[in-house]
C-alpha atoms as a PDB file:
ATOM      1  CA  ILE A   1      10.339  25.023  26.691  1.00  0.00           C
ATOM      2  CA  CYS A   2       7.345  22.334  26.121  1.00  0.00           C
ATOM      3  CA  TYR A   3       8.465  22.021  22.542  1.00  0.00           C
ATOM      4  CA  GLY A   4      11.827  21.495  23.529  1.00  0.00           C
ATOM      5  CA  VAL A   5      11.025  18.667  26.156  1.00  0.00           C
ATOM      6  CA  ILE A   6       7.988  17.064  23.024  1.00  0.00           C
ATOM      7  CA  ALA A   7      11.340  17.170  20.737  1.00  0.00           C
ATOM      8  CA  TYR A   8      13.585  15.641  22.853  1.00  0.00           C
ATOM      9  CA  GLN A   9      11.325  12.966  23.823  1.00  0.00           C
ATOM     10  CA  THR A  10      10.418  11.822  20.733  1.00  0.00           C
ATOM     11  CA  ALA A  11      14.036  11.826  19.052  1.00  0.00           C
ATOM     12  CA  TYR A  12      14.776   9.792  22.007  1.00  0.00           C
ATOM     13  CA  LEU A  13      11.859   7.309  21.278  1.00  0.00           C
ATOM     14  CA  LYS A  14      12.882   7.424  17.571  1.00  0.00           C
ATOM     15  CA  ALA A  15      16.433   6.670  18.732  1.00  0.00           C
ATOM     16  CA  HIS A  16      16.096   4.092  20.794  1.00  0.00           C
ATOM     17  CA  TYR A  17      12.640   2.330  19.907  1.00  0.00           C
ATOM     18  CA  PRO A  18      12.453   2.803  15.707  1.00  0.00           C
ATOM     19  CA  VAL A  19      10.126   0.530  15.043  1.00  0.00           C
ATOM     20  CA  GLU A  20       7.713   1.133  17.983  1.00  0.00           C
ATOM     21  CA  TYR A  21       7.971   4.851  16.726  1.00  0.00           C
ATOM     22  CA  MET A  22       7.560   4.688  13.404  1.00  0.00           C
ATOM     23  CA  CYS A  23       4.629   2.259  13.870  1.00  0.00           C
ATOM     24  CA  ALA A  24       3.005   5.113  16.376  1.00  0.00           C
ATOM     25  CA  VAL A  25       3.649   7.755  13.610  1.00  0.00           C
ATOM     26  CA  LEU A  26       1.705   5.592  10.681  1.00  0.00           C
ATOM     27  CA  GLN A  27      -1.262   4.861  13.419  1.00  0.00           C
ATOM     28  CA  SER A  28      -1.526   8.555  13.544  1.00  0.00           C
ATOM     29  CA  ALA A  29      -1.120   9.129   9.953  1.00  0.00           C
ATOM     30  CA  SER A  30      -4.769   7.315   9.629  1.00  0.00           C
ATOM     31  CA  GLY A  31      -6.386   8.243   6.422  1.00  0.00           C
ATOM     32  CA  ASN A  32      -3.940  11.038   5.336  1.00  0.00           C
ATOM     33  CA  THR A  33      -2.040   9.476   2.168  1.00  0.00           C
ATOM     34  CA  ASP A  34       0.729  11.822   2.076  1.00  0.00           C
ATOM     35  CA  ARG A  35       1.867  11.324   5.274  1.00  0.00           C
ATOM     36  CA  ILE A  36       1.666   7.615   5.193  1.00  0.00           C
ATOM     37  CA  ALA A  37       4.075   7.724   2.200  1.00  0.00           C
ATOM     38  CA  ALA A  38       6.488   9.694   4.234  1.00  0.00           C
ATOM     39  CA  ALA A  39       6.608   7.850   7.111  1.00  0.00           C
ATOM     40  CA  LEU A  40       6.859   4.920   5.027  1.00  0.00           C
ATOM     41  CA  ALA A  41       9.830   6.495   2.935  1.00  0.00           C
ATOM     42  CA  GLU A  42      11.104   7.411   6.530  1.00  0.00           C
ATOM     43  CA  CYS A  43      10.637   3.446   7.412  1.00  0.00           C
ATOM     44  CA  SER A  44      12.756   2.409   4.146  1.00  0.00           C
ATOM     45  CA  ARG A  45      15.518   4.974   5.068  1.00  0.00           C
ATOM     46  CA  LEU A  46      15.498   3.539   8.744  1.00  0.00           C
ATOM     47  CA  GLY A  47      16.260  -0.584   7.174  1.00  0.00           C
ATOM     48  CA  ILE A  48      12.666  -0.810   8.743  1.00  0.00           C
ATOM     49  CA  PRO A  49      10.689  -3.458   6.745  1.00  0.00           C
ATOM     50  CA  VAL A  50       7.442  -3.080   5.808  1.00  0.00           C
ATOM     51  CA  MET A  51       4.922  -5.801   4.960  1.00  0.00           C
ATOM     52  CA  PRO A  52       1.756  -5.473   2.482  1.00  0.00           C
ATOM     53  CA  PRO A  53      -1.477  -6.021   3.963  1.00  0.00           C
ATOM     54  CA  ASP A  54      -2.853  -9.548   4.290  1.00  0.00           C
ATOM     55  CA  VAL A  55      -5.941 -10.896   5.315  1.00  0.00           C
ATOM     56  CA  ASN A  56      -4.365 -13.417   7.720  1.00  0.00           C
ATOM     57  CA  HIS A  57      -1.869 -11.360   9.066  1.00  0.00           C
ATOM     58  CA  SER A  58      -2.837  -7.751   9.329  1.00  0.00           C
ATOM     59  CA  GLU A  59      -4.813  -5.795  11.769  1.00  0.00           C
ATOM     60  CA  ALA A  60      -7.001  -2.911  11.054  1.00  0.00           C
ATOM     61  CA  ASN A  61      -4.312  -0.241  11.531  1.00  0.00           C
ATOM     62  CA  PHE A  62      -0.352  -0.764  11.337  1.00  0.00           C
ATOM     63  CA  ALA A  63       0.706  -2.919  13.777  1.00  0.00           C
ATOM     64  CA  ILE A  64       4.324  -4.542  14.815  1.00  0.00           C
ATOM     65  CA  GLU A  65       5.076  -8.121  13.164  1.00  0.00           C
ATOM     66  CA  THR A  66       7.744  -9.968  13.224  1.00  0.00           C
ATOM     67  CA  VAL A  67       9.885 -11.125   9.862  1.00  0.00           C
ATOM     68  CA  GLU A  68      11.648 -13.896   8.500  1.00  0.00           C
ATOM     69  CA  ASP A  69      14.988 -13.404   9.765  1.00  0.00           C
ATOM     70  CA  GLY A  70      13.770 -12.393  13.597  1.00  0.00           C
ATOM     71  CA  ARG A  71      13.927  -8.335  13.178  1.00  0.00           C
ATOM     72  CA  ASP A  72      10.353  -6.752  14.064  1.00  0.00           C
ATOM     73  CA  GLY A  73       8.437  -4.849  10.902  1.00  0.00           C
ATOM     74  CA  ILE A  74       5.382  -3.319  10.560  1.00  0.00           C
ATOM     75  CA  ARG A  75       2.503  -4.732   8.725  1.00  0.00           C
ATOM     76  CA  TYR A  76       0.055  -2.600   6.972  1.00  0.00           C
ATOM     77  CA  GLY A  77      -3.321  -2.204   8.193  1.00  0.00           C
ATOM     78  CA  LEU A  78      -6.761  -3.638   5.982  1.00  0.00           C
ATOM     79  CA  ALA A  79      -8.340  -0.544   7.455  1.00  0.00           C
ATOM     80  CA  GLN A  80      -5.937   2.018   6.165  1.00  0.00           C
ATOM     81  CA  ILE A  81      -6.281   0.611   2.300  1.00  0.00           C
ATOM     82  CA  LYS A  82      -8.655   2.990   0.377  1.00  0.00           C
ATOM     83  CA  THR A  83     -12.169   2.373  -0.145  1.00  0.00           C
ATOM     84  CA  VAL A  84     -11.786  -0.591   2.868  1.00  0.00           C
ATOM     85  CA  GLY A  85     -12.599   1.103   5.772  1.00  0.00           C
ATOM     86  CA  ALA A  86     -12.733   0.133   9.836  1.00  0.00           C
ATOM     87  CA  GLY A  87     -16.271  -0.837   9.321  1.00  0.00           C
ATOM     88  CA  ALA A  88     -15.434  -3.545   6.449  1.00  0.00           C
ATOM     89  CA  VAL A  89     -13.341  -5.259   8.243  1.00  0.00           C
ATOM     90  CA  GLU A  90     -14.293  -5.122  11.493  1.00  0.00           C
ATOM     91  CA  GLY A  91     -16.048  -8.094  11.193  1.00  0.00           C
ATOM     92  CA  LEU A  92     -13.246 -10.160   9.245  1.00  0.00           C
ATOM     93  CA  LEU A  93     -10.956  -9.552  11.482  1.00  0.00           C
ATOM     94  CA  ALA A  94     -13.355 -10.865  14.703  1.00  0.00           C
ATOM     95  CA  GLU A  95     -13.905 -14.454  12.501  1.00  0.00           C
ATOM     96  CA  ARG A  96     -10.600 -14.451  12.408  1.00  0.00           C
ATOM     97  CA  ARG A  97      -9.692 -14.375  16.304  1.00  0.00           C
ATOM     98  CA  ALA A  98     -12.477 -16.715  16.549  1.00  0.00           C
ATOM     99  CA  ALA A  99     -12.057 -19.480  14.433  1.00  0.00           C
ATOM    100  CA  GLY A 100      -8.406 -18.822  13.195  1.00  0.00           C
ATOM    101  CA  PRO A 101      -6.723 -17.772   9.784  1.00  0.00           C
ATOM    102  CA  PHE A 102      -8.723 -18.221   6.755  1.00  0.00           C
ATOM    103  CA  ALA A 103      -7.273 -21.846   5.339  1.00  0.00           C
ATOM    104  CA  HIS A 104      -7.936 -20.820   1.747  1.00  0.00           C
ATOM    105  CA  LEU A 105     -10.145 -18.740  -0.559  1.00  0.00           C
ATOM    106  CA  GLU A 106     -13.078 -21.025  -0.650  1.00  0.00           C
ATOM    107  CA  ASP A 107     -12.698 -20.734   3.405  1.00  0.00           C
ATOM    108  CA  PHE A 108     -12.225 -17.079   3.367  1.00  0.00           C
ATOM    109  CA  ALA A 109     -15.635 -16.971   1.031  1.00  0.00           C
ATOM    110  CA  ARG A 110     -17.542 -18.626   3.427  1.00  0.00           C
ATOM    111  CA  ARG A 111     -16.518 -16.882   6.525  1.00  0.00           C
ATOM    112  CA  ILE A 112     -16.666 -13.446   5.589  1.00  0.00           C
ATOM    113  CA  SER A 113     -20.031 -11.298   5.639  1.00  0.00           C
ATOM    114  CA  ALA A 114     -20.868 -10.079   2.300  1.00  0.00           C
ATOM    115  CA  ARG A 115     -22.818  -7.473   4.335  1.00  0.00           C
ATOM    116  CA  GLU A 116     -19.918  -5.671   4.992  1.00  0.00           C
ATOM    117  CA  ILE A 117     -17.484  -7.180   2.232  1.00  0.00           C
ATOM    118  CA  ASN A 118     -18.873  -5.696  -0.693  1.00  0.00           C
ATOM    119  CA  LYS A 119     -17.494  -6.279  -4.044  1.00  0.00           C
ATOM    120  CA  ARG A 120     -15.745  -3.190  -4.257  1.00  0.00           C
ATOM    121  CA  VAL A 121     -13.884  -3.667  -0.370  1.00  0.00           C
ATOM    122  CA  LEU A 122     -12.830  -7.386  -2.170  1.00  0.00           C
ATOM    123  CA  GLU A 123     -11.175  -5.605  -5.089  1.00  0.00           C
ATOM    124  CA  ALA A 124      -9.750  -3.110  -3.342  1.00  0.00           C
ATOM    125  CA  LEU A 125      -8.351  -6.206  -1.272  1.00  0.00           C
ATOM    126  CA  ALA A 126      -7.553  -7.974  -3.787  1.00  0.00           C
ATOM    127  CA  ARG A 127      -5.633  -5.194  -6.098  1.00  0.00           C
ATOM    128  CA  SER A 128      -3.890  -3.980  -3.509  1.00  0.00           C
ATOM    129  CA  GLY A 129      -2.295  -7.989  -2.408  1.00  0.00           C
ATOM    130  CA  ALA A 130      -4.097  -8.568   1.051  1.00  0.00           C
ATOM    131  CA  LEU A 131      -5.383 -11.459  -0.854  1.00  0.00           C
ATOM    132  CA  ASP A 132      -2.245 -12.752  -2.495  1.00  0.00           C
ATOM    133  CA  CYS A 133      -2.156 -15.710   0.235  1.00  0.00           C
ATOM    134  CA  PHE A 134      -4.764 -17.186  -1.602  1.00  0.00           C
ATOM    135  CA  GLY A 135      -3.191 -17.134  -5.225  1.00  0.00           C
ATOM    136  CA  SER A 136      -2.566 -15.214  -7.990  1.00  0.00           C
ATOM    137  CA  ARG A 137      -3.686 -11.441  -7.283  1.00  0.00           C
ATOM    138  CA  GLY A 138      -4.852 -11.677 -11.156  1.00  0.00           C
ATOM    139  CA  GLY A 139      -6.919 -14.663 -10.869  1.00  0.00           C
ATOM    140  CA  ILE A 140      -8.769 -13.701  -7.380  1.00  0.00           C
ATOM    141  CA  ILE A 141      -9.341  -9.896  -9.171  1.00  0.00           C
ATOM    142  CA  GLY A 142     -10.985 -12.227 -12.400  1.00  0.00           C
ATOM    143  CA  GLY A 143     -12.683 -14.275  -9.968  1.00  0.00           C
ATOM    144  CA  LEU A 144     -14.520 -11.315  -7.778  1.00  0.00           C
ATOM    145  CA  ASP A 145     -18.013 -12.292  -8.928  1.00  0.00           C
ATOM    146  CA  ARG A 146     -17.469 -15.907  -7.839  1.00  0.00           C
ATOM    147  CA  ILE A 147     -15.830 -15.103  -4.569  1.00  0.00           C
ATOM    148  CA  LEU A 148     -19.281 -12.970  -3.723  1.00  0.00           C
ATOM    149  CA  SER A 149     -21.609 -14.965  -4.903  1.00  0.00           C
ATOM    150  CA  LEU A 150     -20.092 -17.993  -2.678  1.00  0.00           C
ATOM    151  CA  ALA A 151     -20.101 -15.279   0.096  1.00  0.00           C
ATOM    152  CA  GLN A 152     -23.718 -14.322  -0.729  1.00  0.00           C
ATOM    153  CA  GLN A 153     -24.842 -17.631  -0.260  1.00  0.00           C
ATOM    154  CA  GLU A 154     -23.422 -18.185   2.770  1.00  0.00           C
ATOM    155  CA  GLN A 155     -24.349 -15.330   4.274  1.00  0.00           C
ATOM    156  CA  ARG A 156     -28.295 -16.191   3.254  1.00  0.00           C
ATOM    157  CA  LEU A 157     -27.612 -19.703   4.696  1.00  0.00           C
ATOM    158  CA  ARG A 158     -26.734 -18.250   7.936  1.00  0.00           C
ATOM    159  CA  GLU A 159     -29.218 -15.712   8.427  1.00  0.00           C
ATOM    160  CA  THR A 160     -32.254 -18.427   7.428  1.00  0.00           C
ATOM    161  CA  GLY A 161     -30.418 -21.158   9.820  1.00  0.00           C
ATOM    162  CA  GLN A 162     -30.168 -23.681   7.249  1.00  0.00           C
ATOM    163  CA  THR A 163     -27.786 -26.489   7.356  1.00  0.00           C
ATOM    164  CA  SER A 164     -26.994 -29.063   5.255  1.00  0.00           C
ATOM    165  CA  MET A 165     -26.858 -32.659   5.857  1.00  0.00           C
ATOM    166  CA  PHE A 166     -22.982 -32.561   6.535  1.00  0.00           C
ATOM    167  CA  ASP A 167     -23.197 -30.563   9.322  1.00  0.00           C
ATOM    168  CA  LEU A 168     -25.580 -33.366  11.321  1.00  0.00           C
ATOM    169  CA  PHE A 169     -21.811 -34.742  11.584  1.00  0.00           C
ATOM    170  CA  GLY A 170     -20.149 -32.627  13.170  1.00  0.00           C
ATOM    171  CA  GLU A 171     -16.414 -31.906  12.586  1.00  0.00           C
ATOM    172  CA  GLN A 172     -16.408 -35.626  11.696  1.00  0.00           C
ATOM    173  CA  VAL A 173     -17.222 -35.433   7.742  1.00  0.00           C
ATOM    174  CA  ALA A 174     -15.913 -32.165   6.185  1.00  0.00           C
ATOM    175  CA  THR A 175     -18.098 -30.103   4.368  1.00  0.00           C
ATOM    176  CA  PRO A 176     -17.606 -29.796   1.236  1.00  0.00           C
ATOM    177  CA  LEU A 177     -17.119 -26.227  -0.556  1.00  0.00           C
ATOM    178  CA  PRO A 178     -18.417 -25.018  -4.028  1.00  0.00           C
ATOM    179  CA  ALA A 179     -15.330 -25.074  -6.567  1.00  0.00           C
ATOM    180  CA  LEU A 180     -13.475 -21.782  -6.544  1.00  0.00           C
ATOM    181  CA  GLU A 181     -11.116 -22.668  -9.395  1.00  0.00           C
ATOM    182  CA  ILE A 182      -9.323 -19.451  -9.936  1.00  0.00           C
ATOM    183  CA  GLU A 183      -6.882 -18.906 -12.973  1.00  0.00           C
ATOM    184  CA  SER A 184      -3.229 -18.078 -12.512  1.00  0.00           C
ATOM    185  CA  ILE A 185      -3.413 -14.728 -14.496  1.00  0.00           C
ATOM    186  CA  VAL A 186      -0.071 -12.626 -14.515  1.00  0.00           C
ATOM    187  CA  VAL A 187      -0.160  -8.751 -13.948  1.00  0.00           C
ATOM    188  CA  PRO A 188       2.112  -6.964 -15.415  1.00  0.00           C
ATOM    189  CA  GLN A 189       4.444  -5.474 -12.547  1.00  0.00           C
ATOM    190  CA  GLN A 190       3.551  -2.064 -13.347  1.00  0.00           C
ATOM    191  CA  GLN A 191       0.199  -2.293 -13.098  1.00  0.00           C
ATOM    192  CA  MET A 192       0.295  -3.500  -9.752  1.00  0.00           C
ATOM    193  CA  LEU A 193       2.991  -1.092  -8.786  1.00  0.00           C
ATOM    194  CA  GLN A 194      -0.341   1.216  -9.895  1.00  0.00           C
ATOM    195  CA  TRP A 195      -2.591  -0.683  -7.774  1.00  0.00           C
ATOM    196  CA  GLU A 196      -0.217  -0.038  -4.763  1.00  0.00           C
ATOM    197  CA  LYS A 197       0.206   3.402  -5.483  1.00  0.00           C
ATOM    198  CA  GLU A 198      -3.338   4.370  -5.693  1.00  0.00           C
ATOM    199  CA  LEU A 199      -4.788   2.288  -2.686  1.00  0.00           C
ATOM    200  CA  LEU A 200      -2.046   2.361  -0.455  1.00  0.00           C
ATOM    201  CA  GLY A 201      -0.381   5.952  -0.868  1.00  0.00           C
ATOM    202  CA  THR A 202       2.748   4.114  -1.703  1.00  0.00           C
ATOM    203  CA  TYR A 203       4.745   1.368  -3.289  1.00  0.00           C
ATOM    204  CA  LEU A 204       5.575  -1.525  -1.047  1.00  0.00           C
ATOM    205  CA  SER A 205       6.159  -3.988  -3.838  1.00  0.00           C
ATOM    206  CA  GLU A 206       8.964  -2.692  -5.648  1.00  0.00           C
ATOM    207  CA  HIS A 207       9.921   1.166  -6.554  1.00  0.00           C
ATOM    208  CA  PRO A 208       9.695   1.913 -10.135  1.00  0.00           C
ATOM    209  CA  PHE A 209      12.466   3.842  -9.494  1.00  0.00           C
ATOM    210  CA  GLN A 210      14.656   0.833  -7.698  1.00  0.00           C
ATOM    211  CA  GLN A 211      16.418  -0.537 -10.597  1.00  0.00           C
ATOM    212  CA  ALA A 212      17.058   2.841 -12.436  1.00  0.00           C
ATOM    213  CA  SER A 213      18.438   4.143  -9.032  1.00  0.00           C
ATOM    214  CA  HIS A 214      21.332   1.383  -9.290  1.00  0.00           C
ATOM    215  CA  HIS A 215      22.263   2.322 -12.686  1.00  0.00           C
ATOM    216  CA  LEU A 216      22.096   6.495 -11.923  1.00  0.00           C
ATOM    217  CA  ALA A 217      24.067   5.990  -8.508  1.00  0.00           C
ATOM    218  CA  GLU A 218      27.397   7.560  -9.674  1.00  0.00           C
ATOM    219  CA  TRP A 219      26.240  10.760 -10.939  1.00  0.00           C
ATOM    220  CA  VAL A 220      23.420  11.528  -8.211  1.00  0.00           C
ATOM    221  CA  THR A 221      24.648  13.412  -4.955  1.00  0.00           C
ATOM    222  CA  HIS A 222      21.888  13.662  -3.225  1.00  0.00           C
ATOM    223  CA  THR A 223      18.469  12.258  -2.921  1.00  0.00           C
ATOM    224  CA  ILE A 224      14.891  14.257  -2.744  1.00  0.00           C
ATOM    225  CA  SER A 225      14.673  13.894   1.116  1.00  0.00           C
ATOM    226  CA  GLU A 226      18.427  15.379   1.322  1.00  0.00           C
ATOM    227  CA  VAL A 227      17.337  18.884  -0.437  1.00  0.00           C
ATOM    228  CA  THR A 228      16.656  21.051   2.117  1.00  0.00           C
ATOM    229  CA  ALA A 229      17.428  24.593   3.007  1.00  0.00           C
ATOM    230  CA  ASP A 230      21.361  23.797   4.125  1.00  0.00           C
ATOM    231  CA  LEU A 231      21.833  23.252   0.480  1.00  0.00           C
ATOM    232  CA  VAL A 232      21.061  26.714  -0.126  1.00  0.00           C
ATOM    233  CA  GLY A 233      23.517  28.108  -3.194  1.00  0.00           C
ATOM    234  CA  GLN A 234      25.059  24.315  -3.768  1.00  0.00           C
ATOM    235  CA  GLU A 235      24.587  22.096  -6.810  1.00  0.00           C
ATOM    236  CA  ALA A 236      22.839  18.919  -6.182  1.00  0.00           C
ATOM    237  CA  VAL A 237      22.124  16.290  -8.455  1.00  0.00           C
ATOM    238  CA  ILE A 238      19.241  14.255  -8.080  1.00  0.00           C
ATOM    239  CA  ALA A 239      17.244  11.387  -9.939  1.00  0.00           C
ATOM    240  CA  GLY A 240      13.981  10.265  -9.835  1.00  0.00           C
ATOM    241  CA  THR A 241      10.560   9.061 -11.865  1.00  0.00           C
ATOM    242  CA  VAL A 242       8.196  12.081 -13.183  1.00  0.00           C
ATOM    243  CA  VAL A 243       5.199  11.551 -11.437  1.00  0.00           C
ATOM    244  CA  GLY A 244       3.736  14.883 -12.559  1.00  0.00           C
ATOM    245  CA  VAL A 245       3.823  18.036 -14.726  1.00  0.00           C
ATOM    246  CA  ARG A 246       2.318  21.371 -14.574  1.00  0.00           C
ATOM    247  CA  SER A 247       2.474  23.421 -17.726  1.00  0.00           C
ATOM    248  CA  LEU A 248       2.969  27.451 -16.959  1.00  0.00           C
ATOM    249  CA  ALA A 249       3.686  30.337 -18.290  1.00  0.00           C
ATOM    250  CA  THR A 250       5.659  33.401 -17.248  1.00  0.00           C
ATOM    251  CA  LYS A 251       4.327  37.160 -17.478  1.00  0.00           C
ATOM    252  CA  GLN A 252       6.061  37.045 -21.011  1.00  0.00           C
ATOM    253  CA  GLY A 253       3.539  34.208 -21.985  1.00  0.00           C
ATOM    254  CA  LYS A 254       6.924  31.845 -21.910  1.00  0.00           C
ATOM    255  CA  SER A 255       6.064  28.483 -20.689  1.00  0.00           C
ATOM    256  CA  PHE A 256       7.891  26.804 -18.015  1.00  0.00           C
ATOM    257  CA  ALA A 257       6.991  23.690 -15.986  1.00  0.00           C
ATOM    258  CA  ALA A 258       6.630  22.243 -12.067  1.00  0.00           C
ATOM    259  CA  VAL A 259       7.280  18.561 -12.533  1.00  0.00           C
ATOM    260  CA  THR A 260       6.841  16.372  -9.334  1.00  0.00           C
ATOM    261  CA  LEU A 261       9.848  14.091  -9.193  1.00  0.00           C
ATOM    262  CA  GLU A 262      10.261  10.936  -6.805  1.00  0.00           C
ATOM    263  CA  ASP A 263      13.142   9.100  -6.153  1.00  0.00           C
ATOM    264  CA  LEU A 264      12.953   6.185  -3.470  1.00  0.00           C
ATOM    265  CA  SER A 265      13.305   8.542  -0.394  1.00  0.00           C
ATOM    266  CA  GLY A 266       9.892  10.928  -1.413  1.00  0.00           C
ATOM    267  CA  GLN A 267       8.932  13.446  -3.579  1.00  0.00           C
ATOM    268  CA  ALA A 268       9.875  17.357  -4.480  1.00  0.00           C
ATOM    269  CA  GLU A 269       8.370  19.859  -6.946  1.00  0.00           C
ATOM    270  CA  VAL A 270      11.302  21.135  -9.336  1.00  0.00           C
ATOM    271  CA  VAL A 271      10.859  23.903 -11.871  1.00  0.00           C
ATOM    272  CA  VAL A 272      11.744  23.432 -15.295  1.00  0.00           C
ATOM    273  CA  TRP A 273      12.704  27.446 -16.788  1.00  0.00           C
ATOM    274  CA  SER A 274      11.566  28.264 -20.063  1.00  0.00           C
ATOM    275  CA  ASP A 275      15.611  27.628 -21.834  1.00  0.00           C
ATOM    276  CA  GLN A 276      15.417  24.505 -20.995  1.00  0.00           C
ATOM    277  CA  TYR A 277      11.650  23.601 -21.253  1.00  0.00           C
ATOM    278  CA  GLU A 278      10.954  25.248 -24.341  1.00  0.00           C
ATOM    279  CA  PRO A 279      13.414  23.489 -26.750  1.00  0.00           C
ATOM    280  CA  TRP A 280      12.123  20.048 -25.068  1.00  0.00           C
ATOM    281  CA  LYS A 281       8.543  20.634 -25.710  1.00  0.00           C
ATOM    282  CA  ALA A 282       9.193  21.639 -28.665  1.00  0.00           C
ATOM    283  CA  ARG A 283      10.939  18.710 -29.788  1.00  0.00           C
ATOM    284  CA  GLY A 284       7.404  16.431 -28.383  1.00  0.00           C
ATOM    285  CA  LEU A 285       9.856  14.758 -25.552  1.00  0.00           C
ATOM    286  CA  LEU A 286       8.121  16.265 -22.968  1.00  0.00           C
ATOM    287  CA  PHE A 287       4.855  14.968 -22.122  1.00  0.00           C
ATOM    288  CA  GLU A 288       2.033  16.666 -19.914  1.00  0.00           C
END
């Protein structure tokens, strides 16, 4: 009875408050990339916008945010980026709340704590797209050493209590910042998607299978998420990107493979038996 009540309450919330419900699901999945990826796939199915991490908009965890067209969406949390963590972004968020959004890259470098945000954290923020508001992702990644150097310089000045002559004039004179000229380096889309998958557990910019799915739609009968026990005994045509191959062998020594297939709705493992797998492998058409 208790489980029945919980199931009913959960279904009610998801039906009537889908954005709030899915945001809570994502928050509860904190640190579990598999659960986060599954929840994000469900957001896509429900038509809920999911926005990438952004140092000027994100909170530590997933949060609801209104998008440009007036709909409510979910913003990816900074602490959910792999290798970043809540401790690293706590000071960053406190600084943003106290003094407002970061105006540009130099302003960001000057105001962050170089003790809390080291190079590894800074690189994760850049690769995941959280610093895209400041310029080219490739250029920012290429200039990480200069950004960190400026942050460390400002950190030393704050800790020693030193001020510049410009501080004597208060807000009447803008303090010149060291130049951080970042080149506009174009990063291949495939590379950015790999970074997103590695650091966020899913693709946010675009799924690698997105374009192919349109061309294959007329032949595909089901998405991966729709392949359930209800289809036992029926034929289903699915399509997706191969993200993993495990080569196995039967007791008779024949090769077969367990292939992880991914489409826009999720992942599933399919088995390619020996009669199909061995001829393709012999022709060099399968890669492990």
